[in-house]
PDB file of N, CA and C in Angstrom:
ATOM      1  N   MET A   1     -29.894 -14.213 -22.086  1.00  0.00           N
ATOM      2  CA  MET A   1     -29.360 -15.308 -21.294  1.00  0.00           C
ATOM      3  C   MET A   1     -28.631 -16.253 -22.226  1.00  0.00           C
ATOM      4  N   ASP A   2     -27.526 -16.835 -21.743  1.00  0.00           N
ATOM      5  CA  ASP A   2     -26.762 -17.764 -22.563  1.00  0.00           C
ATOM      6  C   ASP A   2     -27.518 -19.064 -22.752  1.00  0.00           C
ATOM      7  N   THR A   3     -27.622 -19.488 -23.984  1.00  0.00           N
ATOM      8  CA  THR A   3     -28.258 -20.778 -24.252  1.00  0.00           C
ATOM      9  C   THR A   3     -27.243 -21.903 -24.205  1.00  0.00           C
ATOM     10  N   ASP A   4     -25.932 -21.550 -24.166  1.00  0.00           N
ATOM     11  CA  ASP A   4     -24.884 -22.577 -24.129  1.00  0.00           C
ATOM     12  C   ASP A   4     -24.739 -23.192 -22.752  1.00  0.00           C
ATOM     13  N   ARG A   5     -25.097 -22.448 -21.732  1.00  0.00           N
ATOM     14  CA  ARG A   5     -24.917 -22.955 -20.374  1.00  0.00           C
ATOM     15  C   ARG A   5     -26.030 -23.928 -20.022  1.00  0.00           C
ATOM     16  N   ARG A   6     -25.616 -24.998 -19.418  1.00  0.00           N
ATOM     17  CA  ARG A   6     -26.586 -26.002 -18.986  1.00  0.00           C
ATOM     18  C   ARG A   6     -26.735 -25.909 -17.479  1.00  0.00           C
ATOM     19  N   PRO A   7     -27.920 -26.129 -16.961  1.00  0.00           N
ATOM     20  CA  PRO A   7     -28.094 -26.079 -15.506  1.00  0.00           C
ATOM     21  C   PRO A   7     -27.372 -27.262 -14.856  1.00  0.00           C
ATOM     22  N   PRO A   8     -27.022 -27.132 -13.597  1.00  0.00           N
ATOM     23  CA  PRO A   8     -26.335 -28.240 -12.928  1.00  0.00           C
ATOM     24  C   PRO A   8     -27.261 -29.450 -12.798  1.00  0.00           C
ATOM     25  N   VAL A   9     -26.656 -30.609 -12.814  1.00  0.00           N
ATOM     26  CA  VAL A   9     -27.409 -31.866 -12.697  1.00  0.00           C
ATOM     27  C   VAL A   9     -27.479 -32.247 -11.226  1.00  0.00           C
ATOM     28  N   LEU A  10     -28.675 -32.459 -10.717  1.00  0.00           N
ATOM     29  CA  LEU A  10     -28.867 -32.880  -9.335  1.00  0.00           C
ATOM     30  C   LEU A  10     -29.201 -34.369  -9.342  1.00  0.00           C
ATOM     31  N   ASP A  11     -28.400 -35.127  -8.646  1.00  0.00           N
ATOM     32  CA  ASP A  11     -28.590 -36.573  -8.595  1.00  0.00           C
ATOM     33  C   ASP A  11     -29.455 -36.907  -7.385  1.00  0.00           C
ATOM     34  N   MET A  12     -30.688 -37.387  -7.642  1.00  0.00           N
ATOM     35  CA  MET A  12     -31.619 -37.696  -6.556  1.00  0.00           C
ATOM     36  C   MET A  12     -32.035 -39.165  -6.612  1.00  0.00           C
ATOM     37  N   THR A  13     -32.343 -39.677  -5.433  1.00  0.00           N
ATOM     38  CA  THR A  13     -32.880 -41.043  -5.344  1.00  0.00           C
ATOM     39  C   THR A  13     -34.378 -40.983  -5.625  1.00  0.00           C
ATOM     40  N   PRO A  14     -35.008 -42.126  -5.885  1.00  0.00           N
ATOM     41  CA  PRO A  14     -36.467 -42.126  -6.106  1.00  0.00           C
ATOM     42  C   PRO A  14     -37.251 -41.619  -4.892  1.00  0.00           C
ATOM     43  N   GLU A  15     -36.664 -41.684  -3.699  1.00  0.00           N
ATOM     44  CA  GLU A  15     -37.351 -41.202  -2.509  1.00  0.00           C
ATOM     45  C   GLU A  15     -37.255 -39.677  -2.384  1.00  0.00           C
ATOM     46  N   GLY A  16     -36.454 -39.003  -3.233  1.00  0.00           N
ATOM     47  CA  GLY A  16     -36.346 -37.551  -3.200  1.00  0.00           C
ATOM     48  C   GLY A  16     -35.161 -37.031  -2.410  1.00  0.00           C
ATOM     49  N   GLU A  17     -34.249 -37.912  -2.049  1.00  0.00           N
ATOM     50  CA  GLU A  17     -33.061 -37.473  -1.326  1.00  0.00           C
ATOM     51  C   GLU A  17     -31.900 -37.300  -2.301  1.00  0.00           C
ATOM     52  N   PHE A  18     -31.027 -36.398  -1.936  1.00  0.00           N
ATOM     53  CA  PHE A  18     -29.854 -36.183  -2.784  1.00  0.00           C
ATOM     54  C   PHE A  18     -28.802 -37.246  -2.516  1.00  0.00           C
ATOM     55  N   ARG A  19     -28.152 -37.657  -3.573  1.00  0.00           N
ATOM     56  CA  ARG A  19     -27.060 -38.617  -3.429  1.00  0.00           C
ATOM     57  C   ARG A  19     -25.756 -37.863  -3.199  1.00  0.00           C
ATOM     58  N   ASP A  20     -24.901 -38.477  -2.410  1.00  0.00           N
ATOM     59  CA  ASP A  20     -23.573 -37.889  -2.207  1.00  0.00           C
ATOM     60  C   ASP A  20     -22.785 -37.995  -3.506  1.00  0.00           C
ATOM     61  N   PRO A  21     -22.000 -36.969  -3.811  1.00  0.00           N
ATOM     62  CA  PRO A  21     -21.226 -37.026  -5.052  1.00  0.00           C
ATOM     63  C   PRO A  21     -20.111 -38.068  -5.000  1.00  0.00           C
ATOM     64  N   GLY A  22     -19.843 -38.610  -3.841  1.00  0.00           N
ATOM     65  CA  GLY A  22     -18.795 -39.626  -3.731  1.00  0.00           C
ATOM     66  C   GLY A  22     -17.475 -38.996  -3.329  1.00  0.00           C
ATOM     67  N   PRO A  23     -16.491 -39.827  -3.168  1.00  0.00           N
ATOM     68  CA  PRO A  23     -15.188 -39.290  -2.750  1.00  0.00           C
ATOM     69  C   PRO A  23     -14.597 -38.423  -3.865  1.00  0.00           C
ATOM     70  N   PRO A  24     -13.866 -37.397  -3.485  1.00  0.00           N
ATOM     71  CA  PRO A  24     -13.252 -36.548  -4.511  1.00  0.00           C
ATOM     72  C   PRO A  24     -12.198 -37.316  -5.290  1.00  0.00           C
ATOM     73  N   ARG A  25     -12.037 -36.890  -6.527  1.00  0.00           N
ATOM     74  CA  ARG A  25     -11.024 -37.549  -7.353  1.00  0.00           C
ATOM     75  C   ARG A  25      -9.637 -37.208  -6.828  1.00  0.00           C
ATOM     76  N   PRO A  26      -8.731 -38.136  -6.880  1.00  0.00           N
ATOM     77  CA  PRO A  26      -7.371 -37.824  -6.442  1.00  0.00           C
ATOM     78  C   PRO A  26      -6.738 -36.798  -7.384  1.00  0.00           C
ATOM     79  N   ALA A  27      -5.924 -35.936  -6.801  1.00  0.00           N
ATOM     80  CA  ALA A  27      -5.266 -34.905  -7.599  1.00  0.00           C
ATOM     81  C   ALA A  27      -4.248 -35.536  -8.524  1.00  0.00           C
ATOM     82  N   GLY A  28      -4.330 -35.160  -9.775  1.00  0.00           N
ATOM     83  CA  GLY A  28      -3.396 -35.677 -10.762  1.00  0.00           C
ATOM     84  C   GLY A  28      -2.140 -34.827 -10.834  1.00  0.00           C
ATOM     85  N   LEU A  29      -1.275 -35.178 -11.730  1.00  0.00           N
ATOM     86  CA  LEU A  29      -0.014 -34.460 -11.903  1.00  0.00           C
ATOM     87  C   LEU A  29      -0.269 -33.016 -12.312  1.00  0.00           C
ATOM     88  N   LEU A  30      -1.201 -32.800 -13.233  1.00  0.00           N
ATOM     89  CA  LEU A  30      -1.492 -31.446 -13.695  1.00  0.00           C
ATOM     90  C   LEU A  30      -2.044 -30.577 -12.555  1.00  0.00           C
ATOM     91  N   ASP A  31      -2.902 -31.156 -11.713  1.00  0.00           N
ATOM     92  CA  ASP A  31      -3.445 -30.398 -10.580  1.00  0.00           C
ATOM     93  C   ASP A  31      -2.335 -29.961  -9.623  1.00  0.00           C
ATOM     94  N   ARG A  32      -1.409 -30.857  -9.334  1.00  0.00           N
ATOM     95  CA  ARG A  32      -0.304 -30.521  -8.432  1.00  0.00           C
ATOM     96  C   ARG A  32       0.610 -29.464  -9.040  1.00  0.00           C
ATOM     97  N   VAL A  33       0.897 -29.586 -10.336  1.00  0.00           N
ATOM     98  CA  VAL A  33       1.761 -28.610 -11.004  1.00  0.00           C
ATOM     99  C   VAL A  33       1.094 -27.240 -11.029  1.00  0.00           C
ATOM    100  N   LEU A  34      -0.201 -27.198 -11.349  1.00  0.00           N
ATOM    101  CA  LEU A  34      -0.908 -25.921 -11.389  1.00  0.00           C
ATOM    102  C   LEU A  34      -1.020 -25.296 -10.003  1.00  0.00           C
ATOM    103  N   ALA A  35      -1.200 -26.105  -8.968  1.00  0.00           N
ATOM    104  CA  ALA A  35      -1.255 -25.576  -7.607  1.00  0.00           C
ATOM    105  C   ALA A  35       0.091 -24.967  -7.221  1.00  0.00           C
ATOM    106  N   ARG A  36       1.167 -25.645  -7.529  1.00  0.00           N
ATOM    107  CA  ARG A  36       2.507 -25.121  -7.225  1.00  0.00           C
ATOM    108  C   ARG A  36       2.773 -23.855  -8.021  1.00  0.00           C
ATOM    109  N   LEU A  37       2.410 -23.859  -9.302  1.00  0.00           N
ATOM    110  CA  LEU A  37       2.620 -22.698 -10.157  1.00  0.00           C
ATOM    111  C   LEU A  37       1.783 -21.507  -9.678  1.00  0.00           C
ATOM    112  N   GLY A  38       0.562 -21.763  -9.252  1.00  0.00           N
ATOM    113  CA  GLY A  38      -0.282 -20.696  -8.727  1.00  0.00           C
ATOM    114  C   GLY A  38       0.285 -20.091  -7.457  1.00  0.00           C
ATOM    115  N   GLY A  39       0.816 -20.931  -6.570  1.00  0.00           N
ATOM    116  CA  GLY A  39       1.437 -20.431  -5.344  1.00  0.00           C
ATOM    117  C   GLY A  39       2.648 -19.565  -5.634  1.00  0.00           C
ATOM    118  N   ILE A  40       3.465 -19.999  -6.582  1.00  0.00           N
ATOM    119  CA  ILE A  40       4.638 -19.208  -6.970  1.00  0.00           C
ATOM    120  C   ILE A  40       4.202 -17.887  -7.586  1.00  0.00           C
ATOM    121  N   ALA A  41       3.154 -17.916  -8.405  1.00  0.00           N
ATOM    122  CA  ALA A  41       2.656 -16.688  -9.038  1.00  0.00           C
ATOM    123  C   ALA A  41       2.156 -15.698  -7.993  1.00  0.00           C
ATOM    124  N   VAL A  42       1.497 -16.180  -6.946  1.00  0.00           N
ATOM    125  CA  VAL A  42       1.026 -15.291  -5.879  1.00  0.00           C
ATOM    126  C   VAL A  42       2.215 -14.668  -5.152  1.00  0.00           C
ATOM    127  N   LEU A  43       3.267 -15.439  -4.881  1.00  0.00           N
ATOM    128  CA  LEU A  43       4.455 -14.897  -4.228  1.00  0.00           C
ATOM    129  C   LEU A  43       5.143 -13.846  -5.094  1.00  0.00           C
ATOM    130  N   VAL A  44       5.243 -14.113  -6.390  1.00  0.00           N
ATOM    131  CA  VAL A  44       5.867 -13.151  -7.309  1.00  0.00           C
ATOM    132  C   VAL A  44       5.037 -11.868  -7.365  1.00  0.00           C
ATOM    133  N   ALA A  45       3.709 -11.995  -7.397  1.00  0.00           N
ATOM    134  CA  ALA A  45       2.846 -10.814  -7.427  1.00  0.00           C
ATOM    135  C   ALA A  45       2.986 -10.001  -6.137  1.00  0.00           C
ATOM    136  N   ALA A  46       3.079 -10.675  -5.001  1.00  0.00           N
ATOM    137  CA  ALA A  46       3.245  -9.966  -3.728  1.00  0.00           C
ATOM    138  C   ALA A  46       4.597  -9.244  -3.682  1.00  0.00           C
ATOM    139  N   ALA A  47       5.647  -9.900  -4.162  1.00  0.00           N
ATOM    140  CA  ALA A  47       6.970  -9.268  -4.191  1.00  0.00           C
ATOM    141  C   ALA A  47       6.967  -8.067  -5.133  1.00  0.00           C
ATOM    142  N   ALA A  48       6.332  -8.202  -6.286  1.00  0.00           N
ATOM    143  CA  ALA A  48       6.261  -7.084  -7.233  1.00  0.00           C
ATOM    144  C   ALA A  48       5.469  -5.931  -6.636  1.00  0.00           C
ATOM    145  N   GLY A  49       4.390  -6.218  -5.917  1.00  0.00           N
ATOM    146  CA  GLY A  49       3.621  -5.166  -5.258  1.00  0.00           C
ATOM    147  C   GLY A  49       4.453  -4.447  -4.208  1.00  0.00           C
ATOM    148  N   GLY A  50       5.253  -5.185  -3.458  1.00  0.00           N
ATOM    149  CA  GLY A  50       6.135  -4.567  -2.474  1.00  0.00           C
ATOM    150  C   GLY A  50       7.178  -3.674  -3.124  1.00  0.00           C
ATOM    151  N   LEU A  51       7.729  -4.120  -4.257  1.00  0.00           N
ATOM    152  CA  LEU A  51       8.699  -3.294  -4.970  1.00  0.00           C
ATOM    153  C   LEU A  51       8.056  -2.022  -5.518  1.00  0.00           C
ATOM    154  N   VAL A  52       6.811  -2.137  -5.980  1.00  0.00           N
ATOM    155  CA  VAL A  52       6.101  -0.953  -6.471  1.00  0.00           C
ATOM    156  C   VAL A  52       5.892   0.043  -5.328  1.00  0.00           C
ATOM    157  N   LEU A  53       5.476  -0.454  -4.157  1.00  0.00           N
ATOM    158  CA  LEU A  53       5.287   0.435  -3.010  1.00  0.00           C
ATOM    159  C   LEU A  53       6.603   1.082  -2.584  1.00  0.00           C
ATOM    160  N   ALA A  54       7.685   0.324  -2.609  1.00  0.00           N
ATOM    161  CA  ALA A  54       8.991   0.883  -2.262  1.00  0.00           C
ATOM    162  C   ALA A  54       9.400   1.949  -3.274  1.00  0.00           C
ATOM    163  N   GLY A  55       9.132   1.701  -4.552  1.00  0.00           N
ATOM    164  CA  GLY A  55       9.451   2.689  -5.582  1.00  0.00           C
ATOM    165  C   GLY A  55       8.643   3.961  -5.421  1.00  0.00           C
ATOM    166  N   VAL A  56       7.369   3.824  -5.099  1.00  0.00           N
ATOM    167  CA  VAL A  56       6.531   5.007  -4.878  1.00  0.00           C
ATOM    168  C   VAL A  56       7.019   5.780  -3.662  1.00  0.00           C
ATOM    169  N   ALA A  57       7.432   5.064  -2.607  1.00  0.00           N
ATOM    170  CA  ALA A  57       7.952   5.734  -1.417  1.00  0.00           C
ATOM    171  C   ALA A  57       9.235   6.499  -1.742  1.00  0.00           C
ATOM    172  N   LEU A  58      10.134   5.892  -2.520  1.00  0.00           N
ATOM    173  CA  LEU A  58      11.366   6.586  -2.905  1.00  0.00           C
ATOM    174  C   LEU A  58      11.064   7.805  -3.771  1.00  0.00           C
ATOM    175  N   LEU A  59      10.092   7.672  -4.657  1.00  0.00           N
ATOM    176  CA  LEU A  59       9.703   8.805  -5.494  1.00  0.00           C
ATOM    177  C   LEU A  59       9.148   9.945  -4.641  1.00  0.00           C
ATOM    178  N   ALA A  60       8.311   9.603  -3.669  1.00  0.00           N
ATOM    179  CA  ALA A  60       7.742  10.629  -2.793  1.00  0.00           C
ATOM    180  C   ALA A  60       8.845  11.310  -1.985  1.00  0.00           C
ATOM    181  N   ILE A  61       9.789  10.539  -1.487  1.00  0.00           N
ATOM    182  CA  ILE A  61      10.905  11.129  -0.729  1.00  0.00           C
ATOM    183  C   ILE A  61      11.736  12.020  -1.642  1.00  0.00           C
ATOM    184  N   GLY A  62      11.964  11.562  -2.871  1.00  0.00           N
ATOM    185  CA  GLY A  62      12.743  12.354  -3.817  1.00  0.00           C
ATOM    186  C   GLY A  62      12.075  13.665  -4.170  1.00  0.00           C
ATOM    187  N   ILE A  63      10.768  13.689  -4.167  1.00  0.00           N
ATOM    188  CA  ILE A  63      10.046  14.931  -4.470  1.00  0.00           C
ATOM    189  C   ILE A  63       9.933  15.811  -3.225  1.00  0.00           C
ATOM    190  N   LEU A  64       9.650  15.212  -2.075  1.00  0.00           N
ATOM    191  CA  LEU A  64       9.403  15.994  -0.863  1.00  0.00           C
ATOM    192  C   LEU A  64      10.675  16.501  -0.195  1.00  0.00           C
ATOM    193  N   LEU A  65      11.792  15.814  -0.363  1.00  0.00           N
ATOM    194  CA  LEU A  65      13.028  16.245   0.297  1.00  0.00           C
ATOM    195  C   LEU A  65      13.479  17.627  -0.165  1.00  0.00           C
ATOM    196  N   PRO A  66      13.534  17.919  -1.461  1.00  0.00           N
ATOM    197  CA  PRO A  66      13.905  19.289  -1.866  1.00  0.00           C
ATOM    198  C   PRO A  66      12.898  20.335  -1.383  1.00  0.00           C
ATOM    199  N   VAL A  67      11.630  19.998  -1.354  1.00  0.00           N
ATOM    200  CA  VAL A  67      10.617  20.934  -0.854  1.00  0.00           C
ATOM    201  C   VAL A  67      10.867  21.224   0.617  1.00  0.00           C
ATOM    202  N   MET A  68      11.172  20.182   1.384  1.00  0.00           N
ATOM    203  CA  MET A  68      11.436  20.363   2.809  1.00  0.00           C
ATOM    204  C   MET A  68      12.698  21.204   3.029  1.00  0.00           C
ATOM    205  N   ILE A  69      13.732  20.965   2.251  1.00  0.00           N
ATOM    206  CA  ILE A  69      14.971  21.738   2.391  1.00  0.00           C
ATOM    207  C   ILE A  69      14.719  23.206   2.044  1.00  0.00           C
ATOM    208  N   LEU A  70      13.974  23.453   0.970  1.00  0.00           N
ATOM    209  CA  LEU A  70      13.667  24.822   0.571  1.00  0.00           C
ATOM    210  C   LEU A  70      12.830  25.538   1.632  1.00  0.00           C
ATOM    211  N   ALA A  71      11.828  24.849   2.173  1.00  0.00           N
ATOM    212  CA  ALA A  71      10.997  25.455   3.214  1.00  0.00           C
ATOM    213  C   ALA A  71      11.822  25.741   4.465  1.00  0.00           C
ATOM    214  N   GLY A  72      12.721  24.841   4.833  1.00  0.00           N
ATOM    215  CA  GLY A  72      13.601  25.079   5.977  1.00  0.00           C
ATOM    216  C   GLY A  72      14.528  26.257   5.747  1.00  0.00           C
ATOM    217  N   ALA A  73      15.052  26.377   4.522  1.00  0.00           N
ATOM    218  CA  ALA A  73      15.941  27.508   4.215  1.00  0.00           C
ATOM    219  C   ALA A  73      15.179  28.828   4.273  1.00  0.00           C
ATOM    220  N   ILE A  74      13.952  28.851   3.771  1.00  0.00           N
ATOM    221  CA  ILE A  74      13.140  30.066   3.832  1.00  0.00           C
ATOM    222  C   ILE A  74      12.835  30.424   5.290  1.00  0.00           C
ATOM    223  N   GLY A  75      12.479  29.434   6.099  1.00  0.00           N
ATOM    224  CA  GLY A  75      12.206  29.683   7.519  1.00  0.00           C
ATOM    225  C   GLY A  75      13.434  30.189   8.246  1.00  0.00           C
ATOM    226  N   ALA A  76      14.595  29.580   7.989  1.00  0.00           N
ATOM    227  CA  ALA A  76      15.831  30.022   8.638  1.00  0.00           C
ATOM    228  C   ALA A  76      16.193  31.436   8.203  1.00  0.00           C
ATOM    229  N   GLY A  77      16.001  31.730   6.913  1.00  0.00           N
ATOM    230  CA  GLY A  77      16.270  33.087   6.423  1.00  0.00           C
ATOM    231  C   GLY A  77      15.351  34.106   7.063  1.00  0.00           C
ATOM    232  N   SER A  78      14.097  33.745   7.255  1.00  0.00           N
ATOM    233  CA  SER A  78      13.144  34.649   7.888  1.00  0.00           C
ATOM    234  C   SER A  78      13.537  34.931   9.334  1.00  0.00           C
ATOM    235  N   ILE A  79      13.912  33.895  10.057  1.00  0.00           N
ATOM    236  CA  ILE A  79      14.341  34.090  11.450  1.00  0.00           C
ATOM    237  C   ILE A  79      15.623  34.918  11.502  1.00  0.00           C
ATOM    238  N   TRP A  80      16.569  34.654  10.615  1.00  0.00           N
ATOM    239  CA  TRP A  80      17.820  35.412  10.588  1.00  0.00           C
ATOM    240  C   TRP A  80      17.530  36.888  10.317  1.00  0.00           C
ATOM    241  N   TRP A  81      16.661  37.167   9.364  1.00  0.00           N
ATOM    242  CA  TRP A  81      16.323  38.547   9.023  1.00  0.00           C
ATOM    243  C   TRP A  81      15.665  39.260  10.200  1.00  0.00           C
ATOM    244  N   ARG A  82      14.759  38.595  10.897  1.00  0.00           N
ATOM    245  CA  ARG A  82      14.091  39.207  12.047  1.00  0.00           C
ATOM    246  C   ARG A  82      15.086  39.478  13.183  1.00  0.00           C
ATOM    247  N   MET A  83      16.016  38.549  13.401  1.00  0.00           N
ATOM    248  CA  MET A  83      17.033  38.760  14.448  1.00  0.00           C
ATOM    249  C   MET A  83      17.926  39.940  14.072  1.00  0.00           C
ATOM    250  N   ARG A  84      18.285  40.050  12.835  1.00  0.00           N
ATOM    251  CA  ARG A  84      19.138  41.149  12.365  1.00  0.00           C
ATOM    252  C   ARG A  84      18.439  42.485  12.565  1.00  0.00           C
ATOM    253  N   ARG A  85      17.159  42.525  12.180  1.00  0.00           N
ATOM    254  CA  ARG A  85      16.386  43.772  12.340  1.00  0.00           C
ATOM    255  C   ARG A  85      16.223  44.122  13.827  1.00  0.00           C
ATOM    256  N   ALA A  86      16.007  43.108  14.655  1.00  0.00           N
ATOM    257  CA  ALA A  86      15.831  43.349  16.089  1.00  0.00           C
ATOM    258  C   ALA A  86      17.118  43.888  16.707  1.00  0.00           C
ATOM    259  N   ARG A  87      18.285  43.360  16.287  1.00  0.00           N
ATOM    260  CA  ARG A  87      19.567  43.838  16.805  1.00  0.00           C
ATOM    261  C   ARG A  87      19.827  45.281  16.368  1.00  0.00           C
ATOM    262  N   GLN A  88      19.445  45.596  15.147  1.00  0.00           N
ATOM    263  CA  GLN A  88      19.659  46.956  14.656  1.00  0.00           C
ATOM    264  C   GLN A  88      18.798  47.966  15.425  1.00  0.00           C
ATOM    265  N   GLN A  89      17.644  47.530  15.870  1.00  0.00           N
ATOM    266  CA  GLN A  89      16.739  48.420  16.587  1.00  0.00           C
ATOM    267  C   GLN A  89      16.974  48.381  18.102  1.00  0.00           C
ATOM    268  N   GLY A  90      18.001  47.664  18.526  1.00  0.00           N
ATOM    269  CA  GLY A  90      18.346  47.622  19.946  1.00  0.00           C
ATOM    270  C   GLY A  90      17.493  46.663  20.744  1.00  0.00           C
ATOM    271  N   GLY A  91      16.922  45.688  20.109  1.00  0.00           N
ATOM    272  CA  GLY A  91      16.070  44.719  20.786  1.00  0.00           C
ATOM    273  C   GLY A  91      16.884  43.612  21.430  1.00  0.00           C
ATOM    274  N   PRO A  92      16.216  42.533  21.836  1.00  0.00           N
ATOM    275  CA  PRO A  92      16.930  41.427  22.492  1.00  0.00           C
ATOM    276  C   PRO A  92      17.900  40.745  21.530  1.00  0.00           C
ATOM    277  N   GLN A  93      18.997  40.225  22.118  1.00  0.00           N
ATOM    278  CA  GLN A  93      20.025  39.586  21.305  1.00  0.00           C
ATOM    279  C   GLN A  93      19.703  38.116  21.013  1.00  0.00           C
ATOM    280  N   ALA A  94      18.774  37.527  21.719  1.00  0.00           N
ATOM    281  CA  ALA A  94      18.433  36.115  21.526  1.00  0.00           C
ATOM    282  C   ALA A  94      16.965  36.006  21.145  1.00  0.00           C
ATOM    283  N   VAL A  95      16.646  34.931  20.473  1.00  0.00           N
ATOM    284  CA  VAL A  95      15.275  34.678  20.080  1.00  0.00           C
ATOM    285  C   VAL A  95      14.652  33.747  21.108  1.00  0.00           C
ATOM    286  N   ARG A  96      13.500  34.118  21.627  1.00  0.00           N
ATOM    287  CA  ARG A  96      12.809  33.272  22.597  1.00  0.00           C
ATOM    288  C   ARG A  96      11.624  32.621  21.923  1.00  0.00           C
ATOM    289  N   VAL A  97      11.448  31.348  22.199  1.00  0.00           N
ATOM    290  CA  VAL A  97      10.320  30.593  21.656  1.00  0.00           C
ATOM    291  C   VAL A  97       9.304  30.419  22.777  1.00  0.00           C
ATOM    292  N   VAL A  98       8.076  30.848  22.534  1.00  0.00           N
ATOM    293  CA  VAL A  98       7.031  30.774  23.535  1.00  0.00           C
ATOM    294  C   VAL A  98       5.958  29.822  23.039  1.00  0.00           C
ATOM    295  N   VAL A  99       5.586  28.847  23.884  1.00  0.00           N
ATOM    296  CA  VAL A  99       4.532  27.903  23.546  1.00  0.00           C
ATOM    297  C   VAL A  99       3.342  28.224  24.441  1.00  0.00           C
ATOM    298  N   ILE A 100       2.224  28.509  23.826  1.00  0.00           N
ATOM    299  CA  ILE A 100       1.026  28.843  24.583  1.00  0.00           C
ATOM    300  C   ILE A 100       0.106  27.612  24.609  1.00  0.00           C
ATOM    301  N   ARG A 101      -0.218  27.164  25.815  1.00  0.00           N
ATOM    302  CA  ARG A 101      -1.108  26.007  25.969  1.00  0.00           C
ATOM    303  C   ARG A 101      -2.449  26.498  26.439  1.00  0.00           C
ATOM    304  N   ARG A 102      -3.495  25.921  25.906  1.00  0.00           N
ATOM    305  CA  ARG A 102      -4.849  26.312  26.306  1.00  0.00           C
ATOM    306  C   ARG A 102      -5.554  25.159  26.924  1.00  0.00           C
TER     307      ARG A 102
END
């Protein structure tokens, strides 16, 4: 345990009641400057966090877009190949999409 820390001082009357600490001290120039500076720092931190999230979103789009294009090209090639094979075997000339609901 720290020996440097002192316990808080409780101001009591002889009857055993606590005394009010009194009116708060008026805020000085340093308090007002630090409050303003703290508010600005919170706004800057929030803006920086938003920029970080936007950067991560752009990075994710930059990585996922080529993957999506490649997957679409593979799917289109697969459908084209199946249609070609079906035409060669005398099958239907159009591809029908069937959705089964349960």
